Amino acid sequence: MRQTAIGNTDVLVGAIAYGCWRFAESSVDDADTKIRTALDAGMTLIDTADIYGLGEPRGFGGAEAVLGEVLHREASLRSRMFLATKGGIIPPRPYDSSYDYLTAAIEASLTRLNVDTVDLYQIHRPDLIAPVEETARALNDMVKSGKTRFVGVSNFTVAQTRALQAHLDTPLVSTQPEFSALHQDPITDGTFDWCSETGATALAWSPLARGSIPRKSSDHPRGAAVISCLQDIAEAHGASVSDIALAFTMKHQARIIPIIGTQNPARITDSAKATELDLSAREFYDIVEAYRGEAMP
């Protein structure tokens, strides 16, 4: 799989990442298979978060704990991955980015993951109460102490991202917005422009629109038009609709890494094919126009 850099660093990861948000539902054996399959396919960025598992039998931290058991069984897997996790969501508050909370949160994540450090720690959602200087101090200390190599944000507006960056000692290397053929806000809300401005990497969550695209069914007002467009392009390339949707996310000039979350090992392997597709500019804009319901101005 082709590689892409994280932020302005010399660290390279696979062009598609694998997300563990449903790992709390998985047995350790199954999780082991999925992680090995993703790594073998070249998906070296492994994404998780402490909130993943809430509402499942394992509860808060469940997904991290399952991944941690996988790493406990085979420690060598850790060296093959760029491990990313997130913190800052704690229902019913619902968000907490205070210094004390984040400092405790990363310690708890490291314990559950059975690691001494993660490669990337991101604030999962912005806390409107915690002073941004306090949040930045927590992230600065995480980097200084070696608990994480890099820091980033998730679901932040561009203004919130810049406010945090102003108080950090190290650059934010990533932002994690929702982005897919059926959710194109980052194209117009400045998120991808900020990535181009700073060199930060965009990690796109739900690039298949929560499964709507592979199911070819969506309640989005323009869903039918977008899926029809994806289908036409897929037929032209001899590819699946899902592959075209992933290729669409990677075609944008900002460095976007889609995070897939399928629990089917065969689909993990198949998804890697999307990195071999090079959509034409016209095909990319066909998808954008299908989503907007009008031609580009």
C-alpha atoms as a PDB file:
ATOM      1  CA  MET A   1       0.000   0.000   0.000  1.00  0.00           C
ATOM      2  CA  ARG A   2       1.270   3.470  -0.799  1.00  0.00           C
ATOM      3  CA  GLN A   3       2.395   5.547   2.173  1.00  0.00           C
ATOM      4  CA  THR A   4       1.623   9.058   3.331  1.00  0.00           C
ATOM      5  CA  ALA A   5       3.293  11.232   5.945  1.00  0.00           C
ATOM      6  CA  ILE A   6       1.731  12.224   9.249  1.00  0.00           C
ATOM      7  CA  GLY A   7       1.712  16.011   9.398  1.00  0.00           C
ATOM      8  CA  ASN A   8       5.067  17.571   8.554  1.00  0.00           C
ATOM      9  CA  THR A   9       6.924  14.642  10.061  1.00  0.00           C
ATOM     10  CA  ASP A  10       8.975  11.956   8.360  1.00  0.00           C
ATOM     11  CA  VAL A  11       6.677   9.273   9.785  1.00  0.00           C
ATOM     12  CA  LEU A  12       4.893   7.325   7.050  1.00  0.00           C
ATOM     13  CA  VAL A  13       1.691   5.307   7.399  1.00  0.00           C
ATOM     14  CA  GLY A  14      -0.578   3.456   5.020  1.00  0.00           C
ATOM     15  CA  ALA A  15      -2.924   5.541   2.872  1.00  0.00           C
ATOM     16  CA  ILE A  16      -5.913   3.847   4.534  1.00  0.00           C
ATOM     17  CA  ALA A  17      -6.210   3.426   8.303  1.00  0.00           C
ATOM     18  CA  TYR A  18      -8.060   0.826  10.345  1.00  0.00           C
ATOM     19  CA  GLY A  19     -10.438   1.873  13.112  1.00  0.00           C
ATOM     20  CA  CYS A  20     -11.274  -0.171  16.193  1.00  0.00           C
ATOM     21  CA  TRP A  21     -14.473   1.573  17.303  1.00  0.00           C
ATOM     22  CA  ARG A  22     -16.398  -1.722  17.295  1.00  0.00           C
ATOM     23  CA  PHE A  23     -13.726  -3.804  18.988  1.00  0.00           C
ATOM     24  CA  ALA A  24     -15.626  -3.854  22.276  1.00  0.00           C
ATOM     25  CA  GLU A  25     -18.071  -6.229  20.561  1.00  0.00           C
ATOM     26  CA  SER A  26     -15.263  -8.504  19.386  1.00  0.00           C
ATOM     27  CA  SER A  27     -13.558 -11.476  20.946  1.00  0.00           C
ATOM     28  CA  VAL A  28      -9.818 -11.158  21.402  1.00  0.00           C
ATOM     29  CA  ASP A  29      -9.240 -13.883  18.818  1.00  0.00           C
ATOM     30  CA  ASP A  30     -11.359 -12.065  16.244  1.00  0.00           C
ATOM     31  CA  ALA A  31      -9.739  -8.737  17.077  1.00  0.00           C
ATOM     32  CA  ASP A  32      -6.323 -10.322  16.623  1.00  0.00           C
ATOM     33  CA  THR A  33      -7.317 -11.553  13.170  1.00  0.00           C
ATOM     34  CA  LYS A  34      -8.645  -8.137  12.146  1.00  0.00           C
ATOM     35  CA  ILE A  35      -5.544  -6.278  13.341  1.00  0.00           C
ATOM     36  CA  ARG A  36      -3.197  -8.695  11.591  1.00  0.00           C
ATOM     37  CA  THR A  37      -5.273  -8.498   8.410  1.00  0.00           C
ATOM     38  CA  ALA A  38      -5.204  -4.694   8.465  1.00  0.00           C
ATOM     39  CA  LEU A  39      -1.458  -4.582   9.074  1.00  0.00           C
ATOM     40  CA  ASP A  40      -0.789  -7.164   6.371  1.00  0.00           C
ATOM     41  CA  ALA A  41      -2.847  -5.026   3.967  1.00  0.00           C
ATOM     42  CA  GLY A  42      -0.640  -2.029   4.770  1.00  0.00           C
ATOM     43  CA  MET A  43      -3.074  -0.225   7.083  1.00  0.00           C
ATOM     44  CA  THR A  44      -0.468   0.698   9.651  1.00  0.00           C
ATOM     45  CA  LEU A  45      -2.383   3.508  11.361  1.00  0.00           C
ATOM     46  CA  ILE A  46      -4.620   1.833  13.942  1.00  0.00           C
ATOM     47  CA  ASP A  47      -7.210   4.197  15.408  1.00  0.00           C
ATOM     48  CA  THR A  48      -9.175   3.799  18.622  1.00  0.00           C
ATOM     49  CA  ALA A  49     -10.565   5.892  21.531  1.00  0.00           C
ATOM     50  CA  ASP A  50     -11.392   5.436  25.189  1.00  0.00           C
ATOM     51  CA  ILE A  51     -15.124   6.054  24.621  1.00  0.00           C
ATOM     52  CA  TYR A  52     -15.408   3.137  22.194  1.00  0.00           C
ATOM     53  CA  GLY A  53     -17.288   0.413  24.021  1.00  0.00           C
ATOM     54  CA  LEU A  54     -19.694   2.612  25.942  1.00  0.00           C
ATOM     55  CA  GLY A  55     -23.101   0.979  25.695  1.00  0.00           C
ATOM     56  CA  GLU A  56     -21.560  -2.441  25.091  1.00  0.00           C
ATOM     57  CA  PRO A  57     -21.021  -5.104  27.785  1.00  0.00           C
ATOM     58  CA  ARG A  58     -17.361  -4.158  28.150  1.00  0.00           C
ATOM     59  CA  GLY A  59     -18.304  -0.504  28.666  1.00  0.00           C
ATOM     60  CA  PHE A  60     -16.130   2.611  28.500  1.00  0.00           C
ATOM     61  CA  GLY A  61     -12.616   1.700  27.403  1.00  0.00           C
ATOM     62  CA  GLY A  62     -13.761  -1.648  26.054  1.00  0.00           C
ATOM     63  CA  ALA A  63     -12.306  -1.280  22.572  1.00  0.00           C
ATOM     64  CA  GLU A  64      -8.928  -0.168  23.929  1.00  0.00           C
ATOM     65  CA  ALA A  65      -8.949  -3.101  26.352  1.00  0.00           C
ATOM     66  CA  VAL A  66      -9.548  -5.650  23.588  1.00  0.00           C
ATOM     67  CA  LEU A  67      -6.788  -4.136  21.468  1.00  0.00           C
ATOM     68  CA  GLY A  68      -4.581  -4.164  24.559  1.00  0.00           C
ATOM     69  CA  GLU A  69      -5.194  -7.881  24.988  1.00  0.00           C
ATOM     70  CA  VAL A  70      -4.179  -8.415  21.370  1.00  0.00           C
ATOM     71  CA  LEU A  71      -0.953  -6.502  21.998  1.00  0.00           C
ATOM     72  CA  HIS A  72      -0.362  -8.370  25.253  1.00  0.00           C
ATOM     73  CA  ARG A  73      -0.554 -11.663  23.375  1.00  0.00           C
ATOM     74  CA  GLU A  74       1.829 -10.559  20.638  1.00  0.00           C
ATOM     75  CA  ALA A  75       3.908  -7.536  21.609  1.00  0.00           C
ATOM     76  CA  SER A  76       5.650  -7.480  18.227  1.00  0.00           C
ATOM     77  CA  LEU A  77       2.452  -6.209  16.598  1.00  0.00           C
ATOM     78  CA  ARG A  78       3.003  -2.870  18.311  1.00  0.00           C
ATOM     79  CA  SER A  79       6.140  -2.221  16.269  1.00  0.00           C
ATOM     80  CA  ARG A  80       4.167  -2.663  13.050  1.00  0.00           C
ATOM     81  CA  MET A  81       1.581   0.001  13.808  1.00  0.00           C
ATOM     82  CA  PHE A  82       1.175   3.717  14.265  1.00  0.00           C
ATOM     83  CA  LEU A  83      -1.155   3.629  17.271  1.00  0.00           C
ATOM     84  CA  ALA A  84      -3.645   6.464  17.724  1.00  0.00           C
ATOM     85  CA  THR A  85      -6.208   6.962  20.449  1.00  0.00           C
ATOM     86  CA  LYS A  86      -8.480   9.741  21.643  1.00  0.00           C
ATOM     87  CA  GLY A  87      -9.885  11.066  24.895  1.00  0.00           C
ATOM     88  CA  GLY A  88     -12.091  13.824  26.234  1.00  0.00           C
ATOM     89  CA  ILE A  89     -15.611  12.372  25.931  1.00  0.00           C
ATOM     90  CA  ILE A  90     -17.082  11.305  29.255  1.00  0.00           C
ATOM     91  CA  PRO A  91     -20.887  11.117  29.411  1.00  0.00           C
ATOM     92  CA  PRO A  92     -22.971  12.583  30.857  1.00  0.00           C
ATOM     93  CA  ARG A  93     -20.787  15.719  31.209  1.00  0.00           C
ATOM     94  CA  PRO A  94     -20.310  15.077  28.087  1.00  0.00           C
ATOM     95  CA  TYR A  95     -16.802  16.485  27.323  1.00  0.00           C
ATOM     96  CA  ASP A  96     -13.822  17.129  29.558  1.00  0.00           C
ATOM     97  CA  SER A  97     -10.556  18.569  28.288  1.00  0.00           C
ATOM     98  CA  SER A  98      -9.315  19.811  31.644  1.00  0.00           C
ATOM     99  CA  TYR A  99      -5.689  19.215  32.565  1.00  0.00           C
ATOM    100  CA  ASP A 100      -6.485  16.749  35.336  1.00  0.00           C
ATOM    101  CA  TYR A 101      -8.933  14.749  33.279  1.00  0.00           C
ATOM    102  CA  LEU A 102      -6.778  14.434  30.155  1.00  0.00           C
ATOM    103  CA  THR A 103      -3.706  13.575  32.222  1.00  0.00           C
ATOM    104  CA  ALA A 104      -5.617  10.746  33.882  1.00  0.00           C
ATOM    105  CA  ALA A 105      -7.309   9.740  30.627  1.00  0.00           C
ATOM    106  CA  ILE A 106      -4.103   9.044  28.735  1.00  0.00           C
ATOM    107  CA  GLU A 107      -2.708   7.054  31.655  1.00  0.00           C
ATOM    108  CA  ALA A 108      -5.855   4.928  31.650  1.00  0.00           C
ATOM    109  CA  SER A 109      -5.642   4.471  27.876  1.00  0.00           C
ATOM    110  CA  LEU A 110      -2.010   3.358  28.077  1.00  0.00           C
ATOM    111  CA  THR A 111      -2.911   0.846  30.770  1.00  0.00           C
ATOM    112  CA  ARG A 112      -5.811  -0.590  28.769  1.00  0.00           C
ATOM    113  CA  LEU A 113      -3.714  -0.736  25.599  1.00  0.00           C
ATOM    114  CA  ASN A 114      -0.796  -2.402  27.398  1.00  0.00           C
ATOM    115  CA  VAL A 115       1.689   0.110  25.988  1.00  0.00           C
ATOM    116  CA  ASP A 116       4.009   2.748  27.413  1.00  0.00           C
ATOM    117  CA  THR A 117       3.298   5.299  24.703  1.00  0.00           C
ATOM    118  CA  VAL A 118       0.967   5.949  21.790  1.00  0.00           C
ATOM    119  CA  ASP A 119       1.986   7.538  18.521  1.00  0.00           C
ATOM    120  CA  LEU A 120      -0.915   9.978  18.365  1.00  0.00           C
ATOM    121  CA  TYR A 121      -3.251  11.296  21.024  1.00  0.00           C
ATOM    122  CA  GLN A 122      -6.213  13.378  19.894  1.00  0.00           C
ATOM    123  CA  ILE A 123      -8.821  15.383  21.772  1.00  0.00           C
ATOM    124  CA  HIS A 124     -11.980  13.584  20.699  1.00  0.00           C
ATOM    125  CA  ARG A 125     -14.370  16.539  20.782  1.00  0.00           C
ATOM    126  CA  PRO A 126     -13.929  20.147  21.907  1.00  0.00           C
ATOM    127  CA  ASP A 127     -14.840  20.958  25.504  1.00  0.00           C
ATOM    128  CA  LEU A 128     -16.519  24.368  25.670  1.00  0.00           C
ATOM    129  CA  ILE A 129     -15.762  24.754  29.381  1.00  0.00           C
ATOM    130  CA  ALA A 130     -12.123  23.818  29.883  1.00  0.00           C
ATOM    131  CA  PRO A 131      -9.729  26.735  29.255  1.00  0.00           C
ATOM    132  CA  VAL A 132      -7.817  26.087  26.045  1.00  0.00           C
ATOM    133  CA  GLU A 133      -4.538  26.913  27.805  1.00  0.00           C
ATOM    134  CA  GLU A 134      -5.246  24.065  30.246  1.00  0.00           C
ATOM    135  CA  THR A 135      -5.977  21.615  27.454  1.00  0.00           C
ATOM    136  CA  ALA A 136      -2.789  22.639  25.689  1.00  0.00           C
ATOM    137  CA  ARG A 137      -0.770  22.201  28.891  1.00  0.00           C
ATOM    138  CA  ALA A 138      -2.046  18.644  29.195  1.00  0.00           C
ATOM    139  CA  LEU A 139      -1.061  17.859  25.610  1.00  0.00           C
ATOM    140  CA  ASN A 140       2.331  19.534  26.037  1.00  0.00           C
ATOM    141  CA  ASP A 141       3.024  17.413  29.103  1.00  0.00           C
ATOM    142  CA  MET A 142       1.966  14.221  27.291  1.00  0.00           C
ATOM    143  CA  VAL A 143       4.549  14.872  24.606  1.00  0.00           C
ATOM    144  CA  LYS A 144       7.276  15.944  27.047  1.00  0.00           C
ATOM    145  CA  SER A 145       6.742  12.865  29.189  1.00  0.00           C
ATOM    146  CA  GLY A 146       6.826  10.542  26.188  1.00  0.00           C
ATOM    147  CA  LYS A 147       3.302   9.275  26.662  1.00  0.00           C
ATOM    148  CA  THR A 148       2.539  10.270  23.075  1.00  0.00           C
ATOM    149  CA  ARG A 149       4.739  11.204  20.145  1.00  0.00           C
ATOM    150  CA  PHE A 150       2.243  13.521  18.481  1.00  0.00           C
ATOM    151  CA  VAL A 151      -1.036  15.276  19.228  1.00  0.00           C
ATOM    152  CA  GLY A 152      -4.094  16.163  17.200  1.00  0.00           C
ATOM    153  CA  VAL A 153      -7.796  16.984  17.368  1.00  0.00           C
ATOM    154  CA  SER A 154     -11.035  15.386  16.284  1.00  0.00           C
ATOM    155  CA  ASN A 155     -14.336  17.054  15.352  1.00  0.00           C
ATOM    156  CA  PHE A 156     -12.899  20.541  15.982  1.00  0.00           C
ATOM    157  CA  THR A 157     -13.762  23.594  13.945  1.00  0.00           C
ATOM    158  CA  VAL A 158     -10.849  25.358  12.293  1.00  0.00           C
ATOM    159  CA  ALA A 159     -11.154  28.240  14.767  1.00  0.00           C
ATOM    160  CA  GLN A 160     -11.090  25.859  17.744  1.00  0.00           C
ATOM    161  CA  THR A 161      -8.073  24.101  16.264  1.00  0.00           C
ATOM    162  CA  ARG A 162      -6.162  27.349  15.804  1.00  0.00           C
ATOM    163  CA  ALA A 163      -7.033  28.484  19.331  1.00  0.00           C
ATOM    164  CA  LEU A 164      -5.553  25.296  20.751  1.00  0.00           C
ATOM    165  CA  GLN A 165      -2.498  25.438  18.497  1.00  0.00           C
ATOM    166  CA  ALA A 166      -1.710  28.938  19.762  1.00  0.00           C
ATOM    167  CA  HIS A 167      -0.942  27.477  23.198  1.00  0.00           C
ATOM    168  CA  LEU A 168       0.893  24.319  22.153  1.00  0.00           C
ATOM    169  CA  ASP A 169       4.643  23.755  22.114  1.00  0.00           C
ATOM    170  CA  THR A 170       4.318  21.281  19.256  1.00  0.00           C
ATOM    171  CA  PRO A 171       2.322  21.343  16.022  1.00  0.00           C
ATOM    172  CA  LEU A 172      -0.994  19.552  15.786  1.00  0.00           C
ATOM    173  CA  VAL A 173      -0.259  16.863  13.212  1.00  0.00           C
ATOM    174  CA  SER A 174      -3.827  15.753  12.577  1.00  0.00           C
ATOM    175  CA  THR A 175      -7.494  16.564  12.588  1.00  0.00           C
ATOM    176  CA  GLN A 176     -10.192  13.893  12.411  1.00  0.00           C
ATOM    177  CA  PRO A 177     -13.424  15.052  10.767  1.00  0.00           C
ATOM    178  CA  GLU A 178     -16.307  13.055   9.356  1.00  0.00           C
ATOM    179  CA  PHE A 179     -15.857  12.939   5.586  1.00  0.00           C
ATOM    180  CA  SER A 180     -17.380  10.843   2.843  1.00  0.00           C
ATOM    181  CA  ALA A 181     -19.142  11.167  -0.484  1.00  0.00           C
ATOM    182  CA  LEU A 182     -22.287  11.659   1.612  1.00  0.00           C
ATOM    183  CA  HIS A 183     -20.753  14.096   4.115  1.00  0.00           C
ATOM    184  CA  GLN A 184     -18.585  16.677   2.379  1.00  0.00           C
ATOM    185  CA  ASP A 185     -18.597  19.529   4.909  1.00  0.00           C
ATOM    186  CA  PRO A 186     -14.791  19.504   5.424  1.00  0.00           C
ATOM    187  CA  ILE A 187     -14.381  20.605   1.820  1.00  0.00           C
ATOM    188  CA  THR A 188     -16.259  23.845   2.465  1.00  0.00           C
ATOM    189  CA  ASP A 189     -15.905  24.531   6.210  1.00  0.00           C
ATOM    190  CA  GLY A 190     -12.165  25.193   6.012  1.00  0.00           C
ATOM    191  CA  THR A 191     -10.985  21.933   7.592  1.00  0.00           C
ATOM    192  CA  PHE A 192      -9.119  20.647   4.560  1.00  0.00           C
ATOM    193  CA  ASP A 193      -7.851  24.132   3.744  1.00  0.00           C
ATOM    194  CA  TRP A 194      -6.354  24.298   7.246  1.00  0.00           C
ATOM    195  CA  CYS A 195      -4.642  20.964   6.566  1.00  0.00           C
ATOM    196  CA  SER A 196      -3.196  22.354   3.344  1.00  0.00           C
ATOM    197  CA  GLU A 197      -2.113  25.491   5.189  1.00  0.00           C
ATOM    198  CA  THR A 198      -0.332  23.714   8.024  1.00  0.00           C
ATOM    199  CA  GLY A 199       0.598  20.339   6.557  1.00  0.00           C
ATOM    200  CA  ALA A 200      -1.573  18.504   9.089  1.00  0.00           C
ATOM    201  CA  THR A 201      -3.073  15.174   8.087  1.00  0.00           C
ATOM    202  CA  ALA A 202      -6.833  14.724   7.846  1.00  0.00           C
ATOM    203  CA  LEU A 203      -8.056  11.390   9.206  1.00  0.00           C
ATOM    204  CA  ALA A 204     -11.535  10.871   7.790  1.00  0.00           C
ATOM    205  CA  TRP A 205     -13.924   8.963   9.990  1.00  0.00           C
ATOM    206  CA  SER A 206     -16.942   7.170   8.504  1.00  0.00           C
ATOM    207  CA  PRO A 207     -15.660   7.391   4.905  1.00  0.00           C
ATOM    208  CA  LEU A 208     -18.400   4.963   3.866  1.00  0.00           C
ATOM    209  CA  ALA A 209     -21.120   7.023   5.561  1.00  0.00           C
ATOM    210  CA  ARG A 210     -21.808   4.554   8.367  1.00  0.00           C
ATOM    211  CA  GLY A 211     -22.304   1.756   5.876  1.00  0.00           C
ATOM    212  CA  SER A 212     -24.826   3.631   3.743  1.00  0.00           C
ATOM    213  CA  ILE A 213     -22.549   3.520   0.703  1.00  0.00           C
ATOM    214  CA  PRO A 214     -21.862  -0.248   0.615  1.00  0.00           C
ATOM    215  CA  ARG A 215     -25.559  -0.856   1.360  1.00  0.00           C
ATOM    216  CA  LYS A 216     -26.408   1.545  -1.492  1.00  0.00           C
ATOM    217  CA  SER A 217     -29.103   3.076   0.663  1.00  0.00           C
ATOM    218  CA  SER A 218     -29.143   6.495   2.304  1.00  0.00           C
ATOM    219  CA  ASP A 219     -31.692   8.862   3.823  1.00  0.00           C
ATOM    220  CA  HIS A 220     -29.571  11.854   2.828  1.00  0.00           C
ATOM    221  CA  PRO A 221     -31.559  14.215   0.555  1.00  0.00           C
ATOM    222  CA  ARG A 222     -29.002  13.671  -2.211  1.00  0.00           C
ATOM    223  CA  GLY A 223     -28.150  10.113  -1.219  1.00  0.00           C
ATOM    224  CA  ALA A 224     -29.701   8.404  -4.229  1.00  0.00           C
ATOM    225  CA  ALA A 225     -27.912  10.735  -6.654  1.00  0.00           C
ATOM    226  CA  VAL A 226     -24.541  10.274  -4.943  1.00  0.00           C
ATOM    227  CA  ILE A 227     -24.831   6.490  -4.771  1.00  0.00           C
ATOM    228  CA  SER A 228     -25.929   6.355  -8.420  1.00  0.00           C
ATOM    229  CA  CYS A 229     -22.888   8.452  -9.352  1.00  0.00           C
ATOM    230  CA  LEU A 230     -20.585   6.182  -7.345  1.00  0.00           C
ATOM    231  CA  GLN A 231     -22.126   3.159  -9.021  1.00  0.00           C
ATOM    232  CA  ASP A 232     -21.536   4.562 -12.510  1.00  0.00           C
ATOM    233  CA  ILE A 233     -17.891   5.304 -11.719  1.00  0.00           C
ATOM    234  CA  ALA A 234     -17.457   1.876 -10.098  1.00  0.00           C
ATOM    235  CA  GLU A 235     -18.691   0.176 -13.248  1.00  0.00           C
ATOM    236  CA  ALA A 236     -16.299   2.214 -15.377  1.00  0.00           C
ATOM    237  CA  HIS A 237     -13.354   1.150 -13.180  1.00  0.00           C
ATOM    238  CA  GLY A 238     -14.473  -2.422 -12.566  1.00  0.00           C
ATOM    239  CA  ALA A 239     -14.429  -1.641  -8.867  1.00  0.00           C
ATOM    240  CA  SER A 240     -16.866  -1.698  -5.956  1.00  0.00           C
ATOM    241  CA  VAL A 241     -18.901   1.286  -4.863  1.00  0.00           C
ATOM    242  CA  SER A 242     -17.026   1.227  -1.553  1.00  0.00           C
ATOM    243  CA  ASP A 243     -13.660   1.345  -3.305  1.00  0.00           C
ATOM    244  CA  ILE A 244     -14.741   4.358  -5.343  1.00  0.00           C
ATOM    245  CA  ALA A 245     -16.013   6.090  -2.206  1.00  0.00           C
ATOM    246  CA  LEU A 246     -12.654   5.547  -0.497  1.00  0.00           C
ATOM    247  CA  ALA A 247     -10.772   6.676  -3.604  1.00  0.00           C
ATOM    248  CA  PHE A 248     -12.907   9.832  -3.604  1.00  0.00           C
ATOM    249  CA  THR A 249     -11.770  10.721  -0.077  1.00  0.00           C
ATOM    250  CA  MET A 250      -8.131  10.249  -1.067  1.00  0.00           C
ATOM    251  CA  LYS A 251      -8.396  12.299  -4.269  1.00  0.00           C
ATOM    252  CA  HIS A 252      -8.736  15.669  -2.524  1.00  0.00           C
ATOM    253  CA  GLN A 253      -5.529  17.721  -2.557  1.00  0.00           C
ATOM    254  CA  ALA A 254      -5.306  17.724   1.247  1.00  0.00           C
ATOM    255  CA  ARG A 255      -3.640  14.587   2.554  1.00  0.00           C
ATOM    256  CA  ILE A 256      -6.651  12.589   3.663  1.00  0.00           C
ATOM    257  CA  ILE A 257      -6.437   9.141   5.212  1.00  0.00           C
ATOM    258  CA  PRO A 258      -9.817   7.399   5.414  1.00  0.00           C
ATOM    259  CA  ILE A 259     -10.377   5.201   8.457  1.00  0.00           C
ATOM    260  CA  ILE A 260     -12.330   2.051   7.676  1.00  0.00           C
ATOM    261  CA  GLY A 261     -14.067   0.091  10.409  1.00  0.00           C
ATOM    262  CA  THR A 262     -15.358  -3.095   8.813  1.00  0.00           C
ATOM    263  CA  GLN A 263     -15.332  -6.148  11.043  1.00  0.00           C
ATOM    264  CA  ASN A 264     -15.026  -8.503   8.082  1.00  0.00           C
ATOM    265  CA  PRO A 265     -11.387  -9.511   7.409  1.00  0.00           C
ATOM    266  CA  ALA A 266     -12.085 -10.123   3.708  1.00  0.00           C
ATOM    267  CA  ARG A 267     -13.457  -6.598   3.370  1.00  0.00           C
ATOM    268  CA  ILE A 268     -10.422  -5.180   5.151  1.00  0.00           C
ATOM    269  CA  THR A 269      -8.208  -6.788   2.534  1.00  0.00           C
ATOM    270  CA  ASP A 270     -10.485  -5.742  -0.334  1.00  0.00           C
ATOM    271  CA  SER A 271     -10.514  -2.114   0.855  1.00  0.00           C
ATOM    272  CA  ALA A 272      -6.801  -1.840   0.163  1.00  0.00           C
ATOM    273  CA  LYS A 273      -7.632  -1.953  -3.559  1.00  0.00           C
ATOM    274  CA  ALA A 274      -8.985   1.587  -3.283  1.00  0.00           C
ATOM    275  CA  THR A 275      -5.438   2.935  -3.008  1.00  0.00           C
ATOM    276  CA  GLU A 276      -4.755   1.655  -6.530  1.00  0.00           C
ATOM    277  CA  LEU A 277      -7.616   3.645  -8.049  1.00  0.00           C
ATOM    278  CA  ASP A 278      -6.930   7.076  -9.470  1.00  0.00           C
ATOM    279  CA  LEU A 279     -10.186   8.870 -10.147  1.00  0.00           C
ATOM    280  CA  SER A 280     -10.134  11.496 -12.848  1.00  0.00           C
ATOM    281  CA  ALA A 281     -10.792  15.099 -11.922  1.00  0.00           C
ATOM    282  CA  ARG A 282     -14.134  14.835 -13.722  1.00  0.00           C
ATOM    283  CA  GLU A 283     -15.106  11.789 -11.677  1.00  0.00           C
ATOM    284  CA  PHE A 284     -14.190  13.533  -8.439  1.00  0.00           C
ATOM    285  CA  TYR A 285     -16.258  16.574  -9.367  1.00  0.00           C
ATOM    286  CA  ASP A 286     -19.139  14.369 -10.525  1.00  0.00           C
ATOM    287  CA  ILE A 287     -19.385  13.082  -6.946  1.00  0.00           C
ATOM    288  CA  VAL A 288     -19.141  16.594  -5.513  1.00  0.00           C
ATOM    289  CA  GLU A 289     -21.848  17.853  -7.865  1.00  0.00           C
ATOM    290  CA  ALA A 290     -24.107  14.877  -7.128  1.00  0.00           C
ATOM    291  CA  TYR A 291     -23.819  15.748  -3.427  1.00  0.00           C
ATOM    292  CA  ARG A 292     -24.494  19.452  -4.001  1.00  0.00           C
ATOM    293  CA  GLY A 293     -27.256  18.895  -6.515  1.00  0.00           C
ATOM    294  CA  GLU A 294     -25.812  21.447  -8.890  1.00  0.00           C
ATOM    295  CA  ALA A 295     -22.855  22.039 -11.166  1.00  0.00           C
ATOM    296  CA  MET A 296     -19.724  23.668  -9.842  1.00  0.00           C
ATOM    297  CA  PRO A 297     -19.909  27.473 -10.243  1.00  0.00           C
END
